[in-house]
């Protein structure tokens, strides 16, 4: 887009006040001063507006987002900005647009000579876009032309036919009650369907209203609400993404490499089958080979230590020592699942369980180094069908431990 010469395609009466009529200005100013609880002559209520404009036009089924669609050869959002600019007591107008539309929005502001407009990048949702606009107003940085308002208006970028008296009413009500919004009578019939899809009952339209924009809030109230909801949700989302990212590779470490039909190798094959989206590699710990060292250096954060030849934690302890020396766990928590097999013919169950209970002590020690140690016991030998089911259940347990990284299960001996 090219900027138009001064005077061309300019909004009609784009000045800061509604109509330029002195009496109307005094009436609005007096109303705002009354809402703010101040005497005439003191500073009126500080008001700003946030317009989420990050929509991509999916609902309209058009390639151009609705807010940028031309109306009489002028983008729709320009009309909305004009309607807010005419209200002299709205100090700042913050528009949230996607990064790909940022230059388009700047061109619109320049071409149609809009004033008091600040741009922020929109989020992936409308909720997030509004929050980004609120943060821009809240930061109050030295180099920023924005300052925190007392009341903020939230309005749709595609609704240009908003009147100043409606804005004044929601702002005044928000000052008194904390939040307010425009409503209108219900036109359509609203029904509640039954379980089988038939009409259950319909609402009595005279008793209900439809909520609309604009809405207004005491800034501290809405900003705190967005911080509490969005901040926690973002943290959970970030945690989920990180867990997913570091759970994409598992190294199966064995204390034997000789018999490919051994129980340890069978577990490895079941892991590959059950976790087809995860890279599963194996290495013999008894050789302490360079390959295992390289796997650690390549930042694999999940290890399954299969103890076949020994009945205690000797091999697991070797692996833990290697991990501690590598400093791998400085970045992310490393999961180690120590797998053991119970052969009823060779070792009494009580003796085996007593030995394996030592895992609690080991887990407590390595937890301080950000290593999460869990135990898994699989009974063996069994007939083929039962053995495959136990191995499959063991693979599911391993996958869950790696994905969730649950600190409450550290040091526990789980049985498949």
Protein backbone atom coordinates (compact mmCIF):
# COMPACT_ATOMS: atom_id res chain seq x y z
CA UNK A 1 0.00 0.00 0.00
CA UNK A 2 1.13 3.50 -0.76
CA UNK A 3 0.37 6.44 1.48
CA UNK A 4 -2.14 8.82 -0.05
CA UNK A 5 -1.32 12.53 -0.30
CA UNK A 6 -2.64 14.70 2.50
CA UNK A 7 -6.32 15.34 2.15
CA UNK A 8 -7.13 12.35 -0.04
CA UNK A 9 -9.18 9.39 1.22
CA UNK A 10 -9.13 10.96 4.66
CA UNK A 11 -11.86 10.00 7.12
CA UNK A 12 -14.63 12.48 7.44
CA UNK A 13 -14.08 14.62 10.55
CA UNK A 14 -11.23 12.49 11.95
CA UNK A 15 -10.51 14.93 14.75
CA UNK A 16 -10.32 13.84 18.37
CA UNK A 17 -13.85 14.88 19.32
CA UNK A 18 -17.22 13.56 18.29
CA UNK A 19 -18.70 16.53 16.43
CA UNK A 20 -16.68 19.59 17.29
CA UNK A 21 -19.66 21.06 19.13
CA UNK A 22 -18.46 22.68 22.31
CA UNK A 23 -21.63 21.91 24.27
CA UNK A 24 -21.40 18.21 23.51
CA UNK A 25 -17.77 18.11 24.63
CA UNK A 26 -18.58 19.78 27.94
CA UNK A 27 -21.42 17.32 28.56
CA UNK A 28 -19.19 14.29 27.95
CA UNK A 29 -16.35 15.72 30.03
CA UNK A 30 -18.70 16.47 32.89
CA UNK A 31 -20.12 12.93 32.75
CA UNK A 32 -16.65 11.40 32.89
CA UNK A 33 -15.59 13.65 35.75
CA UNK A 34 -18.69 12.61 37.62
CA UNK A 35 -17.92 8.95 36.93
CA UNK A 36 -14.39 9.43 38.20
CA UNK A 37 -15.61 11.17 41.34
CA UNK A 38 -13.69 14.38 40.61
CA UNK A 39 -14.64 18.01 40.54
CA UNK A 40 -14.84 19.91 37.25
CA UNK A 41 -11.43 21.29 36.40
CA UNK A 42 -9.54 18.25 37.70
CA UNK A 43 -8.23 15.44 35.47
CA UNK A 44 -11.09 13.36 34.01
CA UNK A 45 -11.20 9.59 33.93
CA UNK A 46 -8.34 8.06 31.93
CA UNK A 47 -9.79 5.75 29.26
CA UNK A 48 -8.11 3.57 26.60
CA UNK A 49 -9.43 1.06 24.07
CA UNK A 50 -8.15 -2.33 22.90
CA UNK A 51 -9.20 -3.77 19.53
CA UNK A 52 -8.35 -7.43 18.82
CA UNK A 53 -7.87 -7.62 15.03
CA UNK A 54 -6.02 -10.88 14.56
CA UNK A 55 -8.81 -12.78 12.79
CA UNK A 56 -7.90 -14.65 9.60
CA UNK A 57 -11.28 -14.64 7.81
CA UNK A 58 -12.06 -18.36 8.26
CA UNK A 59 -15.71 -17.86 9.20
CA UNK A 60 -16.31 -15.66 6.15
CA UNK A 61 -14.51 -18.10 3.90
CA UNK A 62 -12.48 -15.34 2.24
CA UNK A 63 -8.70 -14.97 1.87
CA UNK A 64 -8.74 -11.41 3.23
CA UNK A 65 -9.49 -11.07 6.96
CA UNK A 66 -12.80 -9.36 7.57
CA UNK A 67 -11.27 -6.32 9.25
CA UNK A 68 -9.26 -5.55 6.10
CA UNK A 69 -12.07 -6.07 3.60
CA UNK A 70 -12.72 -2.87 1.61
CA UNK A 71 -15.94 -0.93 2.10
CA UNK A 72 -16.18 1.79 -0.55
CA UNK A 73 -12.50 1.12 -1.27
CA UNK A 74 -11.52 1.65 2.36
CA UNK A 75 -10.70 -1.10 4.89
CA UNK A 76 -13.43 -1.82 7.41
CA UNK A 77 -11.10 -1.41 10.37
CA UNK A 78 -10.40 2.18 9.34
CA UNK A 79 -14.05 3.06 9.94
CA UNK A 80 -13.89 1.50 13.41
CA UNK A 81 -10.76 3.45 14.26
CA UNK A 82 -12.42 6.64 13.07
CA UNK A 83 -15.43 6.00 15.32
CA UNK A 84 -13.15 5.69 18.37
CA UNK A 85 -10.88 8.58 17.37
CA UNK A 86 -13.83 10.94 17.30
CA UNK A 87 -14.33 10.31 21.02
CA UNK A 88 -12.02 12.89 22.52
CA UNK A 89 -11.83 11.28 25.97
CA UNK A 90 -10.37 7.98 24.69
CA UNK A 91 -6.68 8.67 25.11
CA UNK A 92 -5.09 5.59 23.52
CA UNK A 93 -6.31 2.97 21.04
CA UNK A 94 -4.32 -0.28 20.94
CA UNK A 95 -4.86 -2.61 17.96
CA UNK A 96 -3.66 -6.23 18.05
CA UNK A 97 -2.83 -7.58 14.58
CA UNK A 98 -0.91 -10.61 13.37
CA UNK A 99 2.72 -10.21 12.40
CA UNK A 100 1.93 -10.87 8.74
CA UNK A 101 -0.60 -8.01 8.71
CA UNK A 102 1.46 -5.54 10.72
CA UNK A 103 2.74 -3.62 7.67
CA UNK A 104 -0.75 -3.54 6.15
CA UNK A 105 -2.09 -2.03 9.36
CA UNK A 106 0.70 0.58 9.43
CA UNK A 107 -0.15 1.53 5.85
CA UNK A 108 -3.81 1.98 6.76
CA UNK A 109 -2.89 4.23 9.69
CA UNK A 110 -0.64 6.33 7.48
CA UNK A 111 -2.99 6.53 4.49
CA UNK A 112 -6.07 7.52 6.47
CA UNK A 113 -4.14 9.65 8.97
CA UNK A 114 -5.35 7.87 12.09
CA UNK A 115 -4.16 9.25 15.40
CA UNK A 116 -3.59 7.87 18.91
CA UNK A 117 -3.13 4.33 17.50
CA UNK A 118 -0.59 1.83 18.85
CA UNK A 119 0.00 -1.64 17.43
CA UNK A 120 0.82 -4.88 19.21
CA UNK A 121 1.16 -8.38 17.82
CA UNK A 122 -1.93 -10.53 18.12
CA UNK A 123 -1.91 -13.89 19.87
CA UNK A 124 -3.09 -17.23 18.55
CA UNK A 125 -6.52 -16.61 20.11
CA UNK A 126 -8.72 -13.57 20.60
CA UNK A 127 -8.22 -13.99 24.35
CA UNK A 128 -4.47 -13.77 23.94
CA UNK A 129 -4.70 -10.79 21.57
CA UNK A 130 -6.67 -8.81 24.14
CA UNK A 131 -4.14 -9.71 26.82
CA UNK A 132 -1.29 -8.47 24.60
CA UNK A 133 -3.12 -5.17 24.23
CA UNK A 134 -3.62 -4.90 27.98
CA UNK A 135 0.06 -5.62 28.62
CA UNK A 136 1.05 -2.79 26.29
CA UNK A 137 -1.06 -0.40 28.36
CA UNK A 138 0.16 -1.79 31.69
CA UNK A 139 3.89 -1.66 31.07
CA UNK A 140 4.05 2.17 31.12
CA UNK A 141 7.66 2.17 29.91
CA UNK A 142 9.77 5.31 29.67
CA UNK A 143 10.00 5.23 25.88
CA UNK A 144 6.35 4.27 25.43
CA UNK A 145 3.72 6.83 24.57
CA UNK A 146 1.13 4.70 26.37
CA UNK A 147 0.12 5.02 29.99
CA UNK A 148 -2.05 2.82 32.15
CA UNK A 149 -5.72 3.87 32.02
CA UNK A 150 -8.27 3.62 34.78
CA UNK A 151 -10.89 2.11 32.48
CA UNK A 152 -10.29 0.13 29.29
CA UNK A 153 -12.80 -0.48 26.49
CA UNK A 154 -12.69 -3.78 24.59
CA UNK A 155 -14.27 -3.46 21.16
CA UNK A 156 -14.46 -5.45 17.93
CA UNK A 157 -12.32 -4.18 15.07
CA UNK A 158 -15.15 -4.99 12.64
CA UNK A 159 -17.89 -2.98 14.39
CA UNK A 160 -17.58 0.62 13.17
CA UNK A 161 -21.10 1.75 14.08
CA UNK A 162 -20.47 2.36 17.76
CA UNK A 163 -21.89 5.55 19.25
CA UNK A 164 -20.23 7.76 21.79
CA UNK A 165 -23.18 7.66 24.16
CA UNK A 166 -22.97 3.85 24.28
CA UNK A 167 -19.24 4.04 25.00
CA UNK A 168 -19.89 6.61 27.71
CA UNK A 169 -22.54 4.43 29.34
CA UNK A 170 -20.37 1.30 29.51
CA UNK A 171 -17.37 3.29 30.78
CA UNK A 172 -19.47 4.99 33.46
CA UNK A 173 -20.99 1.67 34.52
CA UNK A 174 -17.56 0.00 34.56
CA UNK A 175 -16.23 2.75 36.82
CA UNK A 176 -19.06 2.10 39.27
CA UNK A 177 -19.35 -1.70 39.06
CA UNK A 178 -15.96 -2.88 37.75
CA UNK A 179 -17.25 -4.21 34.41
CA UNK A 180 -20.02 -3.43 31.96
CA UNK A 181 -21.06 -4.24 28.41
CA UNK A 182 -23.63 -3.48 25.76
CA UNK A 183 -26.65 -5.74 25.42
CA UNK A 184 -29.57 -6.05 23.01
CA UNK A 185 -32.90 -7.88 23.03
CA UNK A 186 -32.90 -11.43 21.71
CA UNK A 187 -34.22 -11.65 18.16
CA UNK A 188 -33.69 -15.32 17.36
CA UNK A 189 -35.31 -18.12 19.32
CA UNK A 190 -32.84 -19.90 21.61
CA UNK A 191 -33.63 -23.56 22.24
CA UNK A 192 -32.27 -26.33 24.42
CA UNK A 193 -32.21 -29.73 22.66
CA UNK A 194 -32.81 -33.01 24.42
CA UNK A 195 -30.39 -35.94 24.34
CA UNK A 196 -32.03 -37.35 21.18
CA UNK A 197 -31.79 -34.01 19.36
CA UNK A 198 -35.44 -32.99 19.77
CA UNK A 199 -36.64 -29.71 21.24
CA UNK A 200 -36.56 -29.77 25.02
CA UNK A 201 -37.50 -26.17 25.77
CA UNK A 202 -36.90 -22.66 24.47
CA UNK A 203 -35.89 -19.53 26.35
CA UNK A 204 -38.39 -16.78 26.94
CA UNK A 205 -36.81 -14.05 24.83
CA UNK A 206 -38.32 -11.21 26.85
CA UNK A 207 -36.36 -12.32 29.94
CA UNK A 208 -32.94 -12.60 28.28
CA UNK A 209 -30.50 -10.35 26.44
CA UNK A 210 -27.64 -10.91 24.02
CA UNK A 211 -24.23 -9.62 25.07
CA UNK A 212 -22.42 -7.39 22.59
CA UNK A 213 -19.45 -5.11 22.22
CA UNK A 214 -18.31 -2.66 23.42
CA UNK A 215 -17.39 -3.82 26.91
CA UNK A 216 -15.53 -1.80 29.53
CA UNK A 217 -13.61 -2.74 32.66
CA UNK A 218 -11.65 -1.15 35.45
CA UNK A 219 -8.17 -1.74 34.07
CA UNK A 220 -6.69 -3.25 37.23
CA UNK A 221 -9.60 -5.68 37.49
CA UNK A 222 -9.45 -7.01 33.92
CA UNK A 223 -5.65 -7.05 33.80
CA UNK A 224 -5.37 -9.06 37.00
CA UNK A 225 -8.01 -11.48 35.73
CA UNK A 226 -6.15 -12.00 32.46
CA UNK A 227 -2.86 -12.45 34.30
CA UNK A 228 -4.28 -15.15 36.57
CA UNK A 229 -6.03 -17.08 33.81
CA UNK A 230 -3.63 -16.60 30.90
CA UNK A 231 -0.41 -16.81 32.90
CA UNK A 232 -1.28 -20.17 34.45
CA UNK A 233 -2.62 -21.53 31.19
CA UNK A 234 0.50 -20.42 29.32
CA UNK A 235 2.71 -22.06 31.93
CA UNK A 236 0.83 -25.33 31.62
CA UNK A 237 1.04 -25.11 27.83
CA UNK A 238 4.77 -24.37 27.95
CA UNK A 239 5.35 -27.28 30.34
CA UNK A 240 3.41 -29.60 28.05
CA UNK A 241 5.41 -28.52 24.99
CA UNK A 242 8.73 -29.00 26.79
CA UNK A 243 7.72 -32.44 28.08
CA UNK A 244 6.64 -33.47 24.59
CA UNK A 245 9.90 -32.23 23.08
CA UNK A 246 12.22 -34.06 25.48
CA UNK A 247 10.20 -37.30 25.35
CA UNK A 248 10.88 -38.09 21.69
CA UNK A 249 13.87 -40.39 22.28
CA UNK A 250 14.45 -43.32 24.63
CA UNK A 251 17.74 -45.13 25.13
CA UNK A 252 17.38 -48.72 26.34
CA UNK A 253 20.54 -49.68 28.26
CA UNK A 254 21.16 -53.38 28.90
CA UNK A 255 23.70 -55.32 30.89
CA UNK A 256 23.83 -57.99 28.16
CA UNK A 257 24.00 -57.95 24.40
CA UNK A 258 24.40 -61.59 23.50
CA UNK A 259 20.97 -63.11 23.02
CA UNK A 260 18.59 -61.14 20.81
CA UNK A 261 15.73 -63.27 22.07
CA UNK A 262 16.43 -62.40 25.69
CA UNK A 263 13.72 -60.80 27.78
CA UNK A 264 15.47 -57.42 27.66
CA UNK A 265 15.49 -57.36 23.88
CA UNK A 266 11.85 -58.45 23.82
CA UNK A 267 11.00 -55.41 25.97
CA UNK A 268 12.90 -53.19 23.53
CA UNK A 269 10.88 -54.54 20.60
CA UNK A 270 7.60 -53.99 22.44
CA UNK A 271 8.66 -50.41 23.25
CA UNK A 272 9.33 -49.76 19.57
CA UNK A 273 5.96 -51.23 18.65
CA UNK A 274 3.95 -49.39 21.30
CA UNK A 275 5.77 -46.07 20.92
CA UNK A 276 6.06 -45.82 17.16
CA UNK A 277 6.37 -42.02 17.32
CA UNK A 278 9.37 -42.22 19.67
CA UNK A 279 12.94 -43.02 18.65
CA UNK A 280 14.10 -46.09 20.62
CA UNK A 281 17.80 -46.96 20.62
CA UNK A 282 19.76 -49.51 22.68
CA UNK A 283 23.26 -49.84 24.03
CA UNK A 284 25.15 -52.36 26.18
CA UNK A 285 26.13 -50.78 29.47
CA UNK A 286 28.65 -53.53 30.25
CA UNK A 287 30.90 -52.16 27.51
CA UNK A 288 30.40 -48.52 28.58
CA UNK A 289 30.87 -47.84 24.88
CA UNK A 290 31.41 -44.53 23.19
CA UNK A 291 28.03 -44.90 21.57
CA UNK A 292 26.28 -44.50 24.92
CA UNK A 293 28.47 -41.53 25.75
CA UNK A 294 27.49 -39.98 22.42
CA UNK A 295 23.79 -40.60 23.10
CA UNK A 296 24.17 -38.72 26.37
CA UNK A 297 26.08 -35.90 24.65
CA UNK A 298 23.33 -35.71 22.02
CA UNK A 299 20.97 -34.87 24.88
CA UNK A 300 18.73 -37.88 25.24
CA UNK A 301 16.77 -37.34 28.46
CA UNK A 302 15.12 -40.77 28.85
CA UNK A 303 16.83 -44.02 29.79
CA UNK A 304 15.47 -47.49 30.45
CA UNK A 305 18.07 -49.56 32.30
CA UNK A 306 17.28 -53.26 31.83
CA UNK A 307 18.86 -55.38 34.60
CA UNK A 308 18.97 -58.93 33.25
CA UNK A 309 22.16 -60.51 34.58
CA UNK A 310 22.04 -58.96 38.05
CA UNK A 311 19.30 -58.87 40.65
CA UNK A 312 20.16 -55.53 42.23
CA UNK A 313 20.95 -51.97 41.10
CA UNK A 314 24.59 -52.38 40.05
CA UNK A 315 23.95 -51.59 36.39
CA UNK A 316 21.50 -48.81 37.20
CA UNK A 317 24.07 -47.21 39.50
CA UNK A 318 26.65 -47.28 36.69
CA UNK A 319 24.24 -45.46 34.41
CA UNK A 320 23.38 -42.92 37.09
CA UNK A 321 27.08 -42.17 37.62
CA UNK A 322 27.56 -41.58 33.90
CA UNK A 323 24.61 -39.21 33.80
CA UNK A 324 25.82 -37.27 36.82
CA UNK A 325 29.27 -36.83 35.30
CA UNK A 326 27.82 -35.64 31.98
CA UNK A 327 25.92 -32.67 33.51
CA UNK A 328 23.08 -33.52 31.14
CA UNK A 329 20.51 -32.99 33.89
CA UNK A 330 21.39 -29.31 34.28
CA UNK A 331 19.06 -28.39 31.41
CA UNK A 332 16.08 -30.73 31.91
CA UNK A 333 15.13 -33.50 34.36
CA UNK A 334 16.42 -36.87 33.15
CA UNK A 335 14.16 -39.92 33.55
CA UNK A 336 15.71 -43.29 34.40
CA UNK A 337 13.46 -46.35 34.63
CA UNK A 338 15.26 -49.26 36.29
CA UNK A 339 13.65 -52.46 34.93
CA UNK A 340 13.94 -55.76 36.80
CA UNK A 341 12.57 -59.24 36.13
CA UNK A 342 11.18 -61.57 38.77
CA UNK A 343 11.85 -65.27 38.18
CA UNK A 344 9.82 -67.19 40.74
CA UNK A 345 11.86 -70.35 40.17
CA UNK A 346 15.17 -68.75 41.15
CA UNK A 347 14.46 -66.05 43.70
CA UNK A 348 11.71 -65.91 46.35
CA UNK A 349 9.43 -62.88 45.72
CA UNK A 350 9.96 -61.54 49.26
CA UNK A 351 13.74 -61.52 48.83
CA UNK A 352 13.52 -59.84 45.43
CA UNK A 353 11.16 -57.14 46.70
CA UNK A 354 13.37 -56.46 49.72
CA UNK A 355 16.39 -55.88 47.49
CA UNK A 356 14.47 -53.64 45.11
CA UNK A 357 13.18 -51.41 47.89
CA UNK A 358 16.63 -49.82 47.90
CA UNK A 359 15.44 -47.80 44.93
CA UNK A 360 13.94 -45.28 47.33
CA UNK A 361 17.35 -44.37 48.73
CA UNK A 362 18.92 -44.08 45.26
CA UNK A 363 16.01 -42.01 43.98
CA UNK A 364 16.28 -39.55 46.85
CA UNK A 365 20.01 -39.05 46.24
CA UNK A 366 19.82 -38.48 42.48
CA UNK A 367 16.70 -36.29 42.70
CA UNK A 368 18.96 -33.55 44.04
CA UNK A 369 20.85 -33.76 40.73
CA UNK A 370 17.61 -33.50 38.69
CA UNK A 371 17.47 -37.21 37.84
CA UNK A 372 14.07 -38.86 38.24
CA UNK A 373 14.51 -42.55 39.10
CA UNK A 374 11.62 -45.03 38.92
CA UNK A 375 11.49 -48.82 39.28
CA UNK A 376 9.61 -51.35 37.14
CA UNK A 377 9.23 -55.05 37.99
CA UNK A 378 8.10 -57.60 35.37
CA UNK A 379 7.42 -61.20 36.41
CA UNK A 380 9.18 -63.87 34.32
CA UNK A 381 9.03 -66.59 33.01
CA UNK A 382 5.44 -66.80 31.78
CA UNK A 383 3.73 -68.32 28.77
CA UNK A 384 4.13 -66.28 25.61
CA UNK A 385 0.71 -64.65 25.73
CA UNK A 386 1.01 -63.52 29.36
CA UNK A 387 4.59 -62.40 28.84
CA UNK A 388 3.65 -60.22 25.86
CA UNK A 389 0.86 -58.64 27.89
CA UNK A 390 3.24 -57.92 30.79
CA UNK A 391 5.81 -56.41 28.41
CA UNK A 392 3.12 -54.31 26.74
CA UNK A 393 1.91 -53.09 30.13
CA UNK A 394 5.52 -52.33 31.08
CA UNK A 395 5.97 -50.29 27.88
CA UNK A 396 2.84 -48.28 28.70
CA UNK A 397 4.14 -47.58 32.21
CA UNK A 398 7.53 -46.50 30.85
CA UNK A 399 5.89 -44.20 28.29
CA UNK A 400 3.73 -42.61 30.98
CA UNK A 401 6.66 -42.05 33.34
CA UNK A 402 8.69 -40.42 30.58
CA UNK A 403 5.88 -38.22 29.31
CA UNK A 404 4.54 -37.04 32.68
CA UNK A 405 7.80 -36.88 34.67
CA UNK A 406 5.72 -37.20 37.83
CA UNK A 407 7.76 -36.30 40.91
CA UNK A 408 5.23 -38.07 43.13
CA UNK A 409 6.22 -41.49 41.71
CA UNK A 410 9.98 -41.04 42.16
CA UNK A 411 11.48 -44.01 44.00
CA UNK A 412 8.36 -46.14 43.53
CA UNK A 413 8.55 -49.74 42.30
CA UNK A 414 5.78 -50.28 39.78
CA UNK A 415 4.66 -53.76 38.71
CA UNK A 416 3.64 -54.75 35.19
